[in-house]
Amino acid sequence: MWPNAVANALSRFEWAFRQPGRYLNASEAVSPGIEVEDARDDLEWAMRLLPPGAKRDLGRLITRIDEEFEHRTLPEPNNIEWAMEGWWWTRLRER
Protein backbone atom coordinates (compact mmCIF):
# COMPACT_ATOMS: atom_id res chain seq x y z
CA MET A 1 0.00 0.00 0.00
CA TRP A 2 1.06 3.60 -0.39
CA PRO A 3 0.86 6.49 2.09
CA ASN A 4 -2.69 7.67 2.74
CA ALA A 5 -4.23 4.85 0.66
CA VAL A 6 -6.95 4.13 3.22
CA ALA A 7 -7.72 7.82 3.78
CA ASN A 8 -7.92 8.35 0.03
CA ALA A 9 -10.28 5.40 -0.42
CA LEU A 10 -12.50 6.59 2.42
CA SER A 11 -12.62 10.10 0.96
CA ARG A 12 -13.76 8.73 -2.41
CA PHE A 13 -16.72 7.06 -0.70
CA GLU A 14 -17.45 10.19 1.32
CA TRP A 15 -17.55 12.23 -1.89
CA ALA A 16 -19.71 9.68 -3.73
CA PHE A 17 -22.21 9.37 -0.90
CA ARG A 18 -22.60 13.16 -0.66
CA GLN A 19 -23.88 13.30 -4.24
CA PRO A 20 -27.64 13.87 -4.58
CA GLY A 21 -30.04 11.17 -5.65
CA ARG A 22 -31.00 7.72 -4.54
CA TYR A 23 -28.46 5.92 -6.75
CA LEU A 24 -24.82 6.54 -7.46
CA ASN A 25 -24.33 8.38 -10.73
CA ALA A 26 -23.14 6.08 -13.52
CA SER A 27 -21.52 9.00 -15.35
CA GLU A 28 -18.98 9.21 -12.50
CA ALA A 29 -17.72 5.73 -13.41
CA VAL A 30 -15.51 6.76 -16.29
CA SER A 31 -12.01 6.78 -14.86
CA PRO A 32 -10.51 3.39 -14.09
CA GLY A 33 -8.59 3.44 -10.85
CA ILE A 34 -10.57 6.25 -9.22
CA GLU A 35 -14.04 4.72 -9.06
CA VAL A 36 -15.50 3.85 -5.67
CA GLU A 37 -15.27 0.18 -6.59
CA ASP A 38 -11.51 0.64 -6.89
CA ALA A 39 -11.54 2.40 -3.52
CA ARG A 40 -13.36 -0.62 -2.06
CA ASP A 41 -10.65 -2.85 -3.52
CA ASP A 42 -8.06 -0.70 -1.72
CA LEU A 43 -9.92 -1.07 1.57
CA GLU A 44 -10.10 -4.83 1.12
CA TRP A 45 -6.36 -4.94 0.49
CA ALA A 46 -5.69 -2.83 3.58
CA MET A 47 -7.77 -5.21 5.69
CA ARG A 48 -5.37 -8.01 4.77
CA LEU A 49 -2.37 -6.00 5.94
CA LEU A 50 -3.58 -4.37 9.15
CA PRO A 51 -2.97 -5.65 12.66
CA PRO A 52 -6.06 -6.98 14.51
CA GLY A 53 -7.11 -3.78 16.33
CA ALA A 54 -6.86 -1.55 13.28
CA LYS A 55 -8.55 -4.25 11.20
CA ARG A 56 -11.56 -4.23 13.55
CA ASP A 57 -11.79 -0.43 13.42
CA LEU A 58 -11.58 -0.29 9.64
CA GLY A 59 -13.97 -3.23 9.40
CA ARG A 60 -16.65 -1.22 11.22
CA LEU A 61 -16.26 1.61 8.70
CA ILE A 62 -16.33 -0.81 5.78
CA THR A 63 -19.54 -2.38 7.08
CA ARG A 64 -21.25 1.03 7.00
CA ILE A 65 -19.78 1.80 3.56
CA ASP A 66 -20.95 -1.54 2.19
CA GLU A 67 -24.47 -0.99 3.52
CA GLU A 68 -24.70 2.45 1.92
CA PHE A 69 -23.14 1.23 -1.33
CA GLU A 70 -25.61 -1.64 -1.53
CA HIS A 71 -28.47 0.76 -0.79
CA ARG A 72 -27.37 3.14 -3.56
CA THR A 73 -26.79 0.53 -6.27
CA LEU A 74 -28.74 -2.30 -7.87
CA PRO A 75 -27.84 -5.96 -8.50
CA GLU A 76 -26.31 -6.55 -11.93
CA PRO A 77 -26.67 -10.26 -12.75
CA ASN A 78 -24.73 -9.89 -16.01
CA ASN A 79 -21.57 -8.97 -14.09
CA ILE A 80 -21.47 -12.11 -11.97
CA GLU A 81 -18.02 -12.98 -13.33
CA TRP A 82 -16.74 -9.93 -11.44
CA ALA A 83 -17.84 -11.44 -8.11
CA MET A 84 -14.39 -12.96 -7.63
CA GLU A 85 -12.98 -9.43 -7.61
CA GLY A 86 -15.48 -8.39 -4.93
CA TRP A 87 -19.25 -8.31 -4.65
CA TRP A 88 -19.16 -4.51 -5.13
CA TRP A 89 -18.22 -5.07 -8.78
CA THR A 90 -21.54 -6.88 -9.34
CA ARG A 91 -23.60 -3.79 -8.57
CA LEU A 92 -25.18 -1.42 -11.09
CA ARG A 93 -25.32 2.34 -10.82
CA GLU A 94 -28.06 4.56 -12.18
CA ARG A 95 -28.02 4.68 -15.98
C-alpha atoms as a PDB file:
ATOM      1  CA  MET A   1       0.000   0.000   0.000  1.00  0.00           C
ATOM      2  CA  TRP A   2       1.062   3.599  -0.393  1.00  0.00           C
ATOM      3  CA  PRO A   3       0.863   6.491   2.085  1.00  0.00           C
ATOM      4  CA  ASN A   4      -2.694   7.665   2.743  1.00  0.00           C
ATOM      5  CA  ALA A   5      -4.226   4.854   0.660  1.00  0.00           C
ATOM      6  CA  VAL A   6      -6.952   4.134   3.218  1.00  0.00           C
ATOM      7  CA  ALA A   7      -7.716   7.820   3.777  1.00  0.00           C
ATOM      8  CA  ASN A   8      -7.922   8.351   0.025  1.00  0.00           C
ATOM      9  CA  ALA A   9     -10.281   5.401  -0.418  1.00  0.00           C
ATOM     10  CA  LEU A  10     -12.504   6.592   2.420  1.00  0.00           C
ATOM     11  CA  SER A  11     -12.622  10.101   0.961  1.00  0.00           C
ATOM     12  CA  ARG A  12     -13.761   8.734  -2.408  1.00  0.00           C
ATOM     13  CA  PHE A  13     -16.723   7.064  -0.695  1.00  0.00           C
ATOM     14  CA  GLU A  14     -17.450  10.191   1.320  1.00  0.00           C
ATOM     15  CA  TRP A  15     -17.545  12.231  -1.890  1.00  0.00           C
ATOM     16  CA  ALA A  16     -19.713   9.675  -3.730  1.00  0.00           C
ATOM     17  CA  PHE A  17     -22.214   9.371  -0.900  1.00  0.00           C
ATOM     18  CA  ARG A  18     -22.602  13.159  -0.658  1.00  0.00           C
ATOM     19  CA  GLN A  19     -23.884  13.304  -4.235  1.00  0.00           C
ATOM     20  CA  PRO A  20     -27.638  13.871  -4.580  1.00  0.00           C
ATOM     21  CA  GLY A  21     -30.035  11.167  -5.652  1.00  0.00           C
ATOM     22  CA  ARG A  22     -31.004   7.718  -4.541  1.00  0.00           C
ATOM     23  CA  TYR A  23     -28.459   5.917  -6.746  1.00  0.00           C
ATOM     24  CA  LEU A  24     -24.819   6.544  -7.459  1.00  0.00           C
ATOM     25  CA  ASN A  25     -24.327   8.378 -10.726  1.00  0.00           C
ATOM     26  CA  ALA A  26     -23.139   6.084 -13.524  1.00  0.00           C
ATOM     27  CA  SER A  27     -21.518   9.000 -15.351  1.00  0.00           C
ATOM     28  CA  GLU A  28     -18.984   9.212 -12.499  1.00  0.00           C
ATOM     29  CA  ALA A  29     -17.724   5.727 -13.408  1.00  0.00           C
ATOM     30  CA  VAL A  30     -15.514   6.758 -16.290  1.00  0.00           C
ATOM     31  CA  SER A  31     -12.009   6.785 -14.860  1.00  0.00           C
ATOM     32  CA  PRO A  32     -10.507   3.392 -14.088  1.00  0.00           C
ATOM     33  CA  GLY A  33      -8.587   3.438 -10.846  1.00  0.00           C
ATOM     34  CA  ILE A  34     -10.565   6.247  -9.218  1.00  0.00           C
ATOM     35  CA  GLU A  35     -14.038   4.723  -9.061  1.00  0.00           C
ATOM     36  CA  VAL A  36     -15.502   3.847  -5.674  1.00  0.00           C
ATOM     37  CA  GLU A  37     -15.270   0.175  -6.591  1.00  0.00           C
ATOM     38  CA  ASP A  38     -11.513   0.643  -6.890  1.00  0.00           C
ATOM     39  CA  ALA A  39     -11.540   2.398  -3.523  1.00  0.00           C
ATOM     40  CA  ARG A  40     -13.359  -0.621  -2.063  1.00  0.00           C
ATOM     41  CA  ASP A  41     -10.649  -2.853  -3.521  1.00  0.00           C
ATOM     42  CA  ASP A  42      -8.061  -0.705  -1.724  1.00  0.00           C
ATOM     43  CA  LEU A  43      -9.921  -1.068   1.569  1.00  0.00           C
ATOM     44  CA  GLU A  44     -10.097  -4.830   1.116  1.00  0.00           C
ATOM     45  CA  TRP A  45      -6.357  -4.938   0.489  1.00  0.00           C
ATOM     46  CA  ALA A  46      -5.691  -2.832   3.584  1.00  0.00           C
ATOM     47  CA  MET A  47      -7.773  -5.214   5.693  1.00  0.00           C
ATOM     48  CA  ARG A  48      -5.372  -8.009   4.774  1.00  0.00           C
ATOM     49  CA  LEU A  49      -2.369  -6.005   5.938  1.00  0.00           C
ATOM     50  CA  LEU A  50      -3.578  -4.371   9.146  1.00  0.00           C
ATOM     51  CA  PRO A  51      -2.974  -5.647  12.661  1.00  0.00           C
ATOM     52  CA  PRO A  52      -6.062  -6.985  14.514  1.00  0.00           C
ATOM     53  CA  GLY A  53      -7.109  -3.781  16.330  1.00  0.00           C
ATOM     54  CA  ALA A  54      -6.861  -1.553  13.278  1.00  0.00           C
ATOM     55  CA  LYS A  55      -8.552  -4.250  11.198  1.00  0.00           C
ATOM     56  CA  ARG A  56     -11.564  -4.226  13.555  1.00  0.00           C
ATOM     57  CA  ASP A  57     -11.793  -0.427  13.416  1.00  0.00           C
ATOM     58  CA  LEU A  58     -11.578  -0.292   9.640  1.00  0.00           C
ATOM     59  CA  GLY A  59     -13.975  -3.231   9.405  1.00  0.00           C
ATOM     60  CA  ARG A  60     -16.648  -1.220  11.216  1.00  0.00           C
ATOM     61  CA  LEU A  61     -16.256   1.608   8.699  1.00  0.00           C
ATOM     62  CA  ILE A  62     -16.328  -0.810   5.783  1.00  0.00           C
ATOM     63  CA  THR A  63     -19.541  -2.378   7.077  1.00  0.00           C
ATOM     64  CA  ARG A  64     -21.252   1.028   6.999  1.00  0.00           C
ATOM     65  CA  ILE A  65     -19.776   1.802   3.560  1.00  0.00           C
ATOM     66  CA  ASP A  66     -20.954  -1.543   2.185  1.00  0.00           C
ATOM     67  CA  GLU A  67     -24.470  -0.993   3.522  1.00  0.00           C
ATOM     68  CA  GLU A  68     -24.701   2.448   1.923  1.00  0.00           C
ATOM     69  CA  PHE A  69     -23.141   1.234  -1.332  1.00  0.00           C
ATOM     70  CA  GLU A  70     -25.606  -1.643  -1.532  1.00  0.00           C
ATOM     71  CA  HIS A  71     -28.472   0.763  -0.787  1.00  0.00           C
ATOM     72  CA  ARG A  72     -27.372   3.143  -3.558  1.00  0.00           C
ATOM     73  CA  THR A  73     -26.792   0.527  -6.270  1.00  0.00           C
ATOM     74  CA  LEU A  74     -28.738  -2.303  -7.867  1.00  0.00           C
ATOM     75  CA  PRO A  75     -27.842  -5.960  -8.502  1.00  0.00           C
ATOM     76  CA  GLU A  76     -26.305  -6.554 -11.929  1.00  0.00           C
ATOM     77  CA  PRO A  77     -26.674 -10.264 -12.746  1.00  0.00           C
ATOM     78  CA  ASN A  78     -24.732  -9.891 -16.010  1.00  0.00           C
ATOM     79  CA  ASN A  79     -21.568  -8.967 -14.095  1.00  0.00           C
ATOM     80  CA  ILE A  80     -21.468 -12.108 -11.968  1.00  0.00           C
ATOM     81  CA  GLU A  81     -18.021 -12.980 -13.330  1.00  0.00           C
ATOM     82  CA  TRP A  82     -16.737  -9.933 -11.445  1.00  0.00           C
ATOM     83  CA  ALA A  83     -17.837 -11.439  -8.115  1.00  0.00           C
ATOM     84  CA  MET A  84     -14.388 -12.962  -7.627  1.00  0.00           C
ATOM     85  CA  GLU A  85     -12.981  -9.429  -7.612  1.00  0.00           C
ATOM     86  CA  GLY A  86     -15.481  -8.395  -4.935  1.00  0.00           C
ATOM     87  CA  TRP A  87     -19.249  -8.307  -4.648  1.00  0.00           C
ATOM     88  CA  TRP A  88     -19.164  -4.512  -5.127  1.00  0.00           C
ATOM     89  CA  TRP A  89     -18.215  -5.069  -8.780  1.00  0.00           C
ATOM     90  CA  THR A  90     -21.537  -6.878  -9.341  1.00  0.00           C
ATOM     91  CA  ARG A  91     -23.602  -3.792  -8.570  1.00  0.00           C
ATOM     92  CA  LEU A  92     -25.177  -1.422 -11.092  1.00  0.00           C
ATOM     93  CA  ARG A  93     -25.318   2.345 -10.819  1.00  0.00           C
ATOM     94  CA  GLU A  94     -28.061   4.558 -12.177  1.00  0.00           C
ATOM     95  CA  ARG A  95     -28.019   4.678 -15.977  1.00  0.00           C
END
